[in-house]
């Protein structure tokens, strides 16, 4: 019987879990009645997702969904706002950019 060690698999999901928590925080602020700044929300989603994507480039799409889906879910559940689905797209693009930047080799000027 092969020994199965779950810690490496769980460790690889830590950035996505942190991204989910950050996405839930962004969603909380975004659904407040006094919040009316979609640009700041979009920038926060993009930057958090890019960070998560850079942390785990091979799983960037999971990180993007982890950041974007809470924003969509909270808006749909509280306000019936399906227009916030764009947050998922922004998060996936941000995670992809973060992953691409992580894989891009830095060129020296020598």
N, C-alpha and C. Protein backbone atom coordinates (compact mmCIF):
# COMPACT_ATOMS: atom_id res chain seq x y z
N UNK A 1 0.85 -1.17 0.00
CA UNK A 1 0.00 0.00 0.00
C UNK A 1 0.90 1.24 0.00
N UNK A 2 0.63 2.15 -0.90
CA UNK A 2 1.43 3.37 -1.01
C UNK A 2 1.04 4.36 0.07
N UNK A 3 2.03 5.05 0.58
CA UNK A 3 1.79 6.07 1.59
C UNK A 3 1.37 7.36 0.92
N UNK A 4 0.28 7.92 1.35
CA UNK A 4 -0.24 9.15 0.76
C UNK A 4 -0.02 10.30 1.72
N UNK A 5 0.77 11.28 1.30
CA UNK A 5 1.04 12.44 2.13
C UNK A 5 0.26 13.63 1.57
N UNK A 6 -0.73 14.08 2.32
CA UNK A 6 -1.61 15.15 1.85
C UNK A 6 -1.02 16.54 2.04
N UNK A 7 0.02 16.68 2.83
CA UNK A 7 0.56 18.01 3.13
C UNK A 7 1.05 18.76 1.89
N UNK A 8 1.80 18.14 0.97
CA UNK A 8 2.22 18.90 -0.22
C UNK A 8 1.03 19.38 -1.06
N UNK A 9 0.01 18.56 -1.17
CA UNK A 9 -1.18 18.97 -1.92
C UNK A 9 -1.90 20.11 -1.22
N UNK A 10 -2.03 20.01 0.07
CA UNK A 10 -2.68 21.06 0.84
C UNK A 10 -1.86 22.35 0.79
N UNK A 11 -0.57 22.22 0.89
CA UNK A 11 0.32 23.38 0.85
C UNK A 11 0.19 24.12 -0.48
N UNK A 12 -0.03 23.39 -1.57
CA UNK A 12 -0.16 24.04 -2.87
C UNK A 12 -1.46 24.82 -2.99
N UNK A 13 -2.42 24.55 -2.12
CA UNK A 13 -3.70 25.27 -2.16
C UNK A 13 -3.73 26.48 -1.23
N UNK A 14 -2.71 26.69 -0.44
CA UNK A 14 -2.70 27.80 0.51
C UNK A 14 -2.90 29.15 -0.19
N UNK A 15 -2.21 29.45 -1.30
CA UNK A 15 -2.47 30.73 -1.97
C UNK A 15 -3.92 30.88 -2.43
N UNK A 16 -4.54 29.80 -2.90
CA UNK A 16 -5.93 29.87 -3.33
C UNK A 16 -6.86 30.10 -2.14
N UNK A 17 -6.55 29.48 -1.02
CA UNK A 17 -7.36 29.67 0.18
C UNK A 17 -7.25 31.12 0.65
N UNK A 18 -6.03 31.65 0.67
CA UNK A 18 -5.85 33.05 1.04
C UNK A 18 -6.53 33.98 0.03
N UNK A 19 -6.47 33.61 -1.24
CA UNK A 19 -7.16 34.38 -2.27
C UNK A 19 -8.67 34.38 -2.07
N UNK A 20 -9.19 33.22 -1.68
CA UNK A 20 -10.63 33.14 -1.39
C UNK A 20 -11.01 34.05 -0.23
N UNK A 21 -10.21 34.04 0.82
CA UNK A 21 -10.50 34.92 1.97
C UNK A 21 -10.43 36.39 1.57
N UNK A 22 -9.42 36.74 0.76
CA UNK A 22 -9.32 38.12 0.27
C UNK A 22 -10.51 38.45 -0.63
N UNK A 23 -10.91 37.51 -1.49
CA UNK A 23 -12.07 37.73 -2.35
C UNK A 23 -13.34 37.92 -1.54
N UNK A 24 -13.47 37.16 -0.45
CA UNK A 24 -14.64 37.32 0.42
C UNK A 24 -14.62 38.70 1.08
N UNK A 25 -13.44 39.16 1.46
CA UNK A 25 -13.33 40.52 2.03
C UNK A 25 -13.69 41.59 1.02
N UNK A 26 -13.20 41.42 -0.21
CA UNK A 26 -13.54 42.37 -1.27
C UNK A 26 -15.05 42.35 -1.51
N UNK A 27 -15.63 41.15 -1.53
CA UNK A 27 -17.07 41.01 -1.74
C UNK A 27 -17.86 41.69 -0.63
N UNK A 28 -17.40 41.54 0.60
CA UNK A 28 -18.07 42.18 1.73
C UNK A 28 -18.11 43.69 1.54
N UNK A 29 -16.98 44.27 1.21
CA UNK A 29 -16.93 45.73 1.00
C UNK A 29 -17.77 46.12 -0.21
N UNK A 30 -17.69 45.34 -1.28
CA UNK A 30 -18.40 45.66 -2.52
C UNK A 30 -19.91 45.63 -2.35
N UNK A 31 -20.42 44.83 -1.43
CA UNK A 31 -21.87 44.72 -1.24
C UNK A 31 -22.42 45.69 -0.19
N UNK A 32 -21.57 46.52 0.38
CA UNK A 32 -22.07 47.50 1.36
C UNK A 32 -22.90 48.56 0.62
N UNK A 33 -23.96 49.03 1.24
CA UNK A 33 -24.82 50.03 0.58
C UNK A 33 -24.10 51.34 0.28
N UNK A 34 -23.07 51.67 1.03
CA UNK A 34 -22.38 52.94 0.82
C UNK A 34 -21.23 52.83 -0.18
N UNK A 35 -20.93 51.62 -0.66
CA UNK A 35 -19.81 51.43 -1.58
C UNK A 35 -20.29 51.56 -3.01
N UNK A 36 -19.68 52.48 -3.73
CA UNK A 36 -20.08 52.67 -5.13
C UNK A 36 -18.85 53.01 -5.96
N UNK A 37 -17.86 52.14 -5.92
CA UNK A 37 -16.64 52.39 -6.68
C UNK A 37 -16.17 51.09 -7.31
N UNK A 38 -16.74 50.79 -8.46
CA UNK A 38 -16.44 49.53 -9.15
C UNK A 38 -14.99 49.45 -9.59
N UNK A 39 -14.38 50.59 -9.89
CA UNK A 39 -12.99 50.60 -10.33
C UNK A 39 -12.04 50.13 -9.25
N UNK A 40 -12.28 50.55 -8.03
CA UNK A 40 -11.43 50.12 -6.92
C UNK A 40 -11.63 48.62 -6.67
N UNK A 41 -12.88 48.18 -6.74
CA UNK A 41 -13.16 46.75 -6.57
C UNK A 41 -12.46 45.94 -7.65
N UNK A 42 -12.55 46.38 -8.89
CA UNK A 42 -11.91 45.66 -10.00
C UNK A 42 -10.40 45.63 -9.83
N UNK A 43 -9.82 46.74 -9.42
CA UNK A 43 -8.37 46.79 -9.22
C UNK A 43 -7.95 45.86 -8.09
N UNK A 44 -8.71 45.83 -7.01
CA UNK A 44 -8.39 44.95 -5.89
C UNK A 44 -8.48 43.49 -6.31
N UNK A 45 -9.53 43.13 -7.04
CA UNK A 45 -9.68 41.76 -7.52
C UNK A 45 -8.51 41.38 -8.42
N UNK A 46 -8.15 42.26 -9.34
CA UNK A 46 -7.05 41.99 -10.27
C UNK A 46 -5.73 41.80 -9.52
N UNK A 47 -5.42 42.70 -8.59
CA UNK A 47 -4.14 42.64 -7.88
C UNK A 47 -4.04 41.42 -6.97
N UNK A 48 -5.11 41.10 -6.26
CA UNK A 48 -5.08 39.92 -5.40
C UNK A 48 -4.94 38.67 -6.25
N UNK A 49 -5.69 38.59 -7.34
CA UNK A 49 -5.61 37.41 -8.22
C UNK A 49 -4.23 37.30 -8.87
N UNK A 50 -3.64 38.42 -9.24
CA UNK A 50 -2.30 38.39 -9.83
C UNK A 50 -1.28 37.87 -8.81
N UNK A 51 -1.43 38.26 -7.57
CA UNK A 51 -0.54 37.79 -6.52
C UNK A 51 -0.70 36.28 -6.31
N UNK A 52 -1.94 35.82 -6.29
CA UNK A 52 -2.20 34.39 -6.13
C UNK A 52 -1.67 33.62 -7.34
N UNK A 53 -1.88 34.16 -8.53
CA UNK A 53 -1.38 33.51 -9.74
C UNK A 53 0.13 33.42 -9.77
N UNK A 54 0.79 34.46 -9.27
CA UNK A 54 2.26 34.43 -9.22
C UNK A 54 2.76 33.45 -8.17
N UNK A 55 1.99 33.27 -7.11
CA UNK A 55 2.41 32.35 -6.05
C UNK A 55 2.32 30.89 -6.50
N UNK A 56 1.32 30.57 -7.29
CA UNK A 56 1.15 29.20 -7.81
C UNK A 56 0.78 29.27 -9.29
N UNK A 57 1.78 29.51 -10.15
CA UNK A 57 1.49 29.70 -11.57
C UNK A 57 0.79 28.53 -12.25
N UNK A 58 1.10 27.32 -11.85
CA UNK A 58 0.48 26.16 -12.51
C UNK A 58 -0.99 26.01 -12.13
N UNK A 59 -1.39 26.59 -11.02
CA UNK A 59 -2.79 26.53 -10.57
C UNK A 59 -3.43 27.92 -10.61
N UNK A 60 -2.98 28.76 -11.55
CA UNK A 60 -3.46 30.14 -11.58
C UNK A 60 -4.98 30.22 -11.73
N UNK A 61 -5.57 29.32 -12.49
CA UNK A 61 -7.00 29.38 -12.74
C UNK A 61 -7.80 29.09 -11.47
N UNK A 62 -7.28 28.22 -10.61
CA UNK A 62 -7.96 27.96 -9.33
C UNK A 62 -7.90 29.20 -8.46
N UNK A 63 -6.74 29.86 -8.43
CA UNK A 63 -6.62 31.10 -7.67
C UNK A 63 -7.53 32.19 -8.20
N UNK A 64 -7.63 32.30 -9.52
CA UNK A 64 -8.52 33.30 -10.11
C UNK A 64 -9.97 33.06 -9.73
N UNK A 65 -10.40 31.81 -9.79
CA UNK A 65 -11.77 31.50 -9.38
C UNK A 65 -11.98 31.73 -7.89
N UNK A 66 -10.96 31.41 -7.10
CA UNK A 66 -11.07 31.59 -5.65
C UNK A 66 -11.24 33.06 -5.28
N UNK A 67 -10.63 33.94 -6.04
CA UNK A 67 -10.76 35.38 -5.75
C UNK A 67 -12.05 35.93 -6.33
N UNK A 68 -12.41 35.56 -7.54
CA UNK A 68 -13.55 36.17 -8.22
C UNK A 68 -14.91 35.64 -7.83
N UNK A 69 -15.01 34.34 -7.55
CA UNK A 69 -16.32 33.77 -7.26
C UNK A 69 -17.00 34.30 -6.00
N UNK A 70 -16.26 34.60 -4.92
CA UNK A 70 -16.95 35.19 -3.77
C UNK A 70 -17.61 36.53 -4.08
N UNK A 71 -16.98 37.32 -4.94
CA UNK A 71 -17.56 38.62 -5.31
C UNK A 71 -18.88 38.39 -6.05
N UNK A 72 -18.87 37.47 -6.99
CA UNK A 72 -20.09 37.14 -7.73
C UNK A 72 -21.15 36.58 -6.80
N UNK A 73 -20.78 35.62 -5.97
CA UNK A 73 -21.75 34.96 -5.09
C UNK A 73 -22.41 35.94 -4.14
N UNK A 74 -21.64 36.80 -3.49
CA UNK A 74 -22.22 37.75 -2.55
C UNK A 74 -23.16 38.72 -3.26
N UNK A 75 -22.75 39.20 -4.43
CA UNK A 75 -23.60 40.14 -5.16
C UNK A 75 -24.89 39.49 -5.64
N UNK A 76 -24.82 38.24 -6.07
CA UNK A 76 -26.03 37.55 -6.53
C UNK A 76 -26.94 37.26 -5.34
N UNK A 77 -26.37 36.74 -4.26
CA UNK A 77 -27.19 36.39 -3.10
C UNK A 77 -27.82 37.60 -2.42
N UNK A 78 -27.08 38.68 -2.30
CA UNK A 78 -27.60 39.84 -1.57
C UNK A 78 -28.40 40.81 -2.44
N UNK A 79 -28.02 40.93 -3.71
CA UNK A 79 -28.65 41.95 -4.55
C UNK A 79 -29.18 41.43 -5.87
N UNK A 80 -29.00 40.16 -6.16
CA UNK A 80 -29.41 39.62 -7.45
C UNK A 80 -28.64 40.23 -8.62
N UNK A 81 -27.41 40.66 -8.35
CA UNK A 81 -26.60 41.36 -9.34
C UNK A 81 -25.68 40.37 -10.06
N UNK A 82 -26.12 39.92 -11.23
CA UNK A 82 -25.30 39.02 -12.03
C UNK A 82 -24.25 39.77 -12.84
N UNK A 83 -24.35 41.08 -12.89
CA UNK A 83 -23.37 41.88 -13.60
C UNK A 83 -21.99 41.81 -12.98
N UNK A 84 -21.94 41.39 -11.74
CA UNK A 84 -20.65 41.27 -11.07
C UNK A 84 -19.90 40.02 -11.52
N UNK A 85 -20.44 39.26 -12.47
CA UNK A 85 -19.72 38.11 -13.03
C UNK A 85 -18.43 38.57 -13.71
N UNK A 86 -18.38 39.84 -14.07
CA UNK A 86 -17.15 40.39 -14.66
C UNK A 86 -15.99 40.28 -13.68
N UNK A 87 -16.28 40.23 -12.38
CA UNK A 87 -15.22 40.07 -11.38
C UNK A 87 -14.49 38.74 -11.56
N UNK A 88 -15.20 37.71 -11.97
CA UNK A 88 -14.57 36.41 -12.21
C UNK A 88 -13.62 36.51 -13.40
N UNK A 89 -14.07 37.20 -14.45
CA UNK A 89 -13.22 37.38 -15.63
C UNK A 89 -11.98 38.19 -15.27
N UNK A 90 -12.16 39.27 -14.52
CA UNK A 90 -11.03 40.11 -14.11
C UNK A 90 -10.06 39.30 -13.25
N UNK A 91 -10.60 38.47 -12.36
CA UNK A 91 -9.74 37.66 -11.49
C UNK A 91 -8.96 36.63 -12.30
N UNK A 92 -9.60 36.00 -13.27
CA UNK A 92 -8.89 35.01 -14.10
C UNK A 92 -7.80 35.67 -14.94
N UNK A 93 -8.09 36.86 -15.48
CA UNK A 93 -7.08 37.59 -16.25
C UNK A 93 -5.93 37.99 -15.32
N UNK A 94 -6.25 38.50 -14.14
CA UNK A 94 -5.22 38.89 -13.19
C UNK A 94 -4.35 37.72 -12.78
N UNK A 95 -4.97 36.58 -12.51
CA UNK A 95 -4.20 35.40 -12.13
C UNK A 95 -3.32 34.93 -13.28
N UNK A 96 -3.84 35.02 -14.49
CA UNK A 96 -3.04 34.65 -15.66
C UNK A 96 -1.85 35.57 -15.85
N UNK A 97 -2.07 36.86 -15.64
CA UNK A 97 -0.96 37.83 -15.74
C UNK A 97 0.08 37.55 -14.67
N UNK A 98 -0.37 37.29 -13.45
CA UNK A 98 0.57 36.97 -12.38
C UNK A 98 1.38 35.73 -12.68
N UNK A 99 0.71 34.70 -13.20
CA UNK A 99 1.42 33.46 -13.55
C UNK A 99 2.40 33.70 -14.69
N UNK A 100 2.00 34.49 -15.67
CA UNK A 100 2.89 34.77 -16.82
C UNK A 100 4.11 35.56 -16.37
N UNK A 101 3.90 36.51 -15.47
CA UNK A 101 5.04 37.29 -14.98
C UNK A 101 5.99 36.42 -14.17
N UNK A 102 5.46 35.45 -13.47
CA UNK A 102 6.30 34.54 -12.69
C UNK A 102 7.15 33.67 -13.60
N UNK A 103 6.59 33.26 -14.74
CA UNK A 103 7.31 32.40 -15.67
C UNK A 103 8.23 33.17 -16.61
N UNK A 104 8.07 34.49 -16.69
CA UNK A 104 8.88 35.28 -17.60
C UNK A 104 10.28 35.44 -17.03
N UNK A 105 11.30 35.02 -17.77
CA UNK A 105 12.66 35.19 -17.25
C UNK A 105 13.07 36.65 -17.30
N UNK A 106 13.77 37.07 -16.29
CA UNK A 106 14.29 38.43 -16.26
C UNK A 106 15.55 38.50 -17.12
N UNK A 107 15.63 39.49 -17.96
CA UNK A 107 16.79 39.63 -18.82
C UNK A 107 17.76 40.64 -18.21
N UNK A 108 19.01 40.29 -18.23
CA UNK A 108 20.00 41.22 -17.70
C UNK A 108 20.41 42.19 -18.80
N UNK A 109 20.84 43.36 -18.41
CA UNK A 109 21.24 44.38 -19.38
C UNK A 109 22.71 44.28 -19.75
N UNK A 110 23.38 43.20 -19.33
CA UNK A 110 24.80 43.03 -19.63
C UNK A 110 25.02 42.61 -21.06
